[in-house]
């Protein structure tokens, strides 16, 4: 299984998890660049979690991306050719914009159906 499929399969496990601890772990993943399709899966799952995860995303936008750099090191905050010029650890501006977009979609009532998630996850 290639890395992208592995990440997607791991993300999909969060679909049925809604405990506060699981939501916290899932929200913390927003600080990492997950890759093209995995980012779409993350977005879809976030919309499915909706208002339950929104406060955690808002807190992540305020506090910045501390976990990724703390866990992996500052060198992962630099763009990488292996990630199409993206950094594995999102910068503060990128993190804030990413989370603000997710919160705006949740607030607008945007949903992600089972069919949409299945299509993205394939």
Protein backbone atom coordinates (compact mmCIF):
# COMPACT_ATOMS: atom_id res chain seq x y z
CA UNK A 1 0.00 0.00 0.00
CA UNK A 2 1.43 3.38 -0.91
CA UNK A 3 1.87 6.10 1.73
CA UNK A 4 -1.10 8.13 0.52
CA UNK A 5 -3.52 5.21 0.82
CA UNK A 6 -2.14 4.38 4.26
CA UNK A 7 -2.73 7.94 5.50
CA UNK A 8 -6.23 7.97 4.02
CA UNK A 9 -7.10 4.64 5.62
CA UNK A 10 -5.86 5.88 9.00
CA UNK A 11 -7.87 9.10 8.65
CA UNK A 12 -11.03 7.17 7.74
CA UNK A 13 -10.87 5.44 11.12
CA UNK A 14 -11.80 8.77 12.70
CA UNK A 15 -15.17 8.88 10.92
CA UNK A 16 -16.98 6.95 13.65
CA UNK A 17 -14.97 8.39 16.55
CA UNK A 18 -16.55 11.27 18.41
CA UNK A 19 -15.19 11.10 21.95
CA UNK A 20 -13.52 14.28 23.20
CA UNK A 21 -10.13 12.55 23.13
CA UNK A 22 -10.57 11.33 19.53
CA UNK A 23 -11.76 14.76 18.41
CA UNK A 24 -8.69 16.33 20.04
CA UNK A 25 -6.31 13.97 18.26
CA UNK A 26 -8.15 14.48 14.96
CA UNK A 27 -8.07 18.29 15.34
CA UNK A 28 -4.34 18.19 16.10
CA UNK A 29 -3.71 16.60 12.69
CA UNK A 30 -4.66 19.92 11.09
CA UNK A 31 -1.12 21.12 11.81
CA UNK A 32 0.35 18.58 9.40
CA UNK A 33 0.23 18.64 5.62
CA UNK A 34 -1.30 15.24 4.84
CA UNK A 35 -1.07 15.23 1.05
CA UNK A 36 -3.55 16.03 -1.72
CA UNK A 37 -6.27 13.38 -1.37
CA UNK A 38 -5.68 12.95 2.35
CA UNK A 39 -6.33 16.70 2.80
CA UNK A 40 -9.67 16.23 1.02
CA UNK A 41 -10.53 13.29 3.29
CA UNK A 42 -9.55 15.36 6.35
CA UNK A 43 -11.76 18.23 5.19
CA UNK A 44 -14.70 15.91 4.56
CA UNK A 45 -14.34 14.21 7.95
CA UNK A 46 -14.08 17.59 9.64
CA UNK A 47 -17.34 18.67 8.03
CA UNK A 48 -18.96 15.45 9.21
CA UNK A 49 -17.85 16.18 12.77
CA UNK A 50 -19.22 19.71 12.41
CA UNK A 51 -19.95 21.79 15.49
CA UNK A 52 -18.42 19.15 17.79
CA UNK A 53 -14.94 19.83 16.44
CA UNK A 54 -15.30 23.54 15.71
CA UNK A 55 -14.06 24.79 19.13
CA UNK A 56 -10.94 22.64 18.78
CA UNK A 57 -10.23 24.04 15.32
CA UNK A 58 -10.72 27.60 16.58
CA UNK A 59 -8.28 26.90 19.43
CA UNK A 60 -5.78 25.47 16.95
CA UNK A 61 -6.04 28.64 14.86
CA UNK A 62 -5.34 30.77 17.95
CA UNK A 63 -2.50 28.71 19.40
CA UNK A 64 -0.70 27.91 16.15
CA UNK A 65 1.01 24.76 15.01
CA UNK A 66 3.07 23.74 18.00
CA UNK A 67 2.72 19.96 17.96
CA UNK A 68 4.19 19.24 14.54
CA UNK A 69 7.37 21.25 15.03
CA UNK A 70 7.73 20.05 18.64
CA UNK A 71 7.34 16.40 17.60
CA UNK A 72 9.29 16.44 14.33
CA UNK A 73 11.65 19.40 14.54
CA UNK A 74 11.98 22.81 12.93
CA UNK A 75 13.36 21.38 9.69
CA UNK A 76 9.87 20.03 8.89
CA UNK A 77 8.51 23.58 8.84
CA UNK A 78 10.49 24.26 5.66
CA UNK A 79 9.12 23.55 2.18
CA UNK A 80 10.11 20.18 0.76
CA UNK A 81 10.38 19.10 -2.84
CA UNK A 82 9.04 15.71 -1.71
CA UNK A 83 5.77 17.45 -0.79
CA UNK A 84 5.47 19.56 -3.94
CA UNK A 85 7.02 22.54 -2.22
CA UNK A 86 4.85 22.29 0.90
CA UNK A 87 6.12 21.97 4.44
CA UNK A 88 5.04 18.95 6.49
CA UNK A 89 4.40 21.26 9.45
CA UNK A 90 2.04 24.06 8.48
CA UNK A 91 3.26 27.59 9.11
CA UNK A 92 1.18 29.89 11.29
CA UNK A 93 -0.44 31.71 8.37
CA UNK A 94 -1.18 28.49 6.48
CA UNK A 95 -2.59 26.87 9.63
CA UNK A 96 -4.80 29.87 10.42
CA UNK A 97 -6.12 30.06 6.85
CA UNK A 98 -6.73 26.30 6.67
CA UNK A 99 -8.63 26.24 9.95
CA UNK A 100 -10.57 29.42 9.20
CA UNK A 101 -11.72 27.83 5.94
CA UNK A 102 -12.86 24.69 7.74
CA UNK A 103 -14.72 26.68 10.41
CA UNK A 104 -16.40 28.81 7.73
CA UNK A 105 -17.56 25.67 5.92
CA UNK A 106 -18.93 24.21 9.17
CA UNK A 107 -20.70 27.49 9.95
CA UNK A 108 -22.24 27.57 6.47
CA UNK A 109 -23.79 24.17 7.09
CA UNK A 110 -21.67 22.44 4.44
CA UNK A 111 -21.90 18.68 4.77
CA UNK A 112 -19.95 15.76 3.38
CA UNK A 113 -22.06 12.75 2.44
CA UNK A 114 -21.12 9.09 2.67
CA UNK A 115 -20.94 9.01 -1.13
CA UNK A 116 -18.61 12.01 -1.26
CA UNK A 117 -16.34 10.52 1.41
CA UNK A 118 -16.27 7.17 -0.38
CA UNK A 119 -15.40 8.83 -3.68
CA UNK A 120 -12.54 10.81 -2.14
CA UNK A 121 -11.26 7.86 -0.12
CA UNK A 122 -10.91 5.51 -3.09
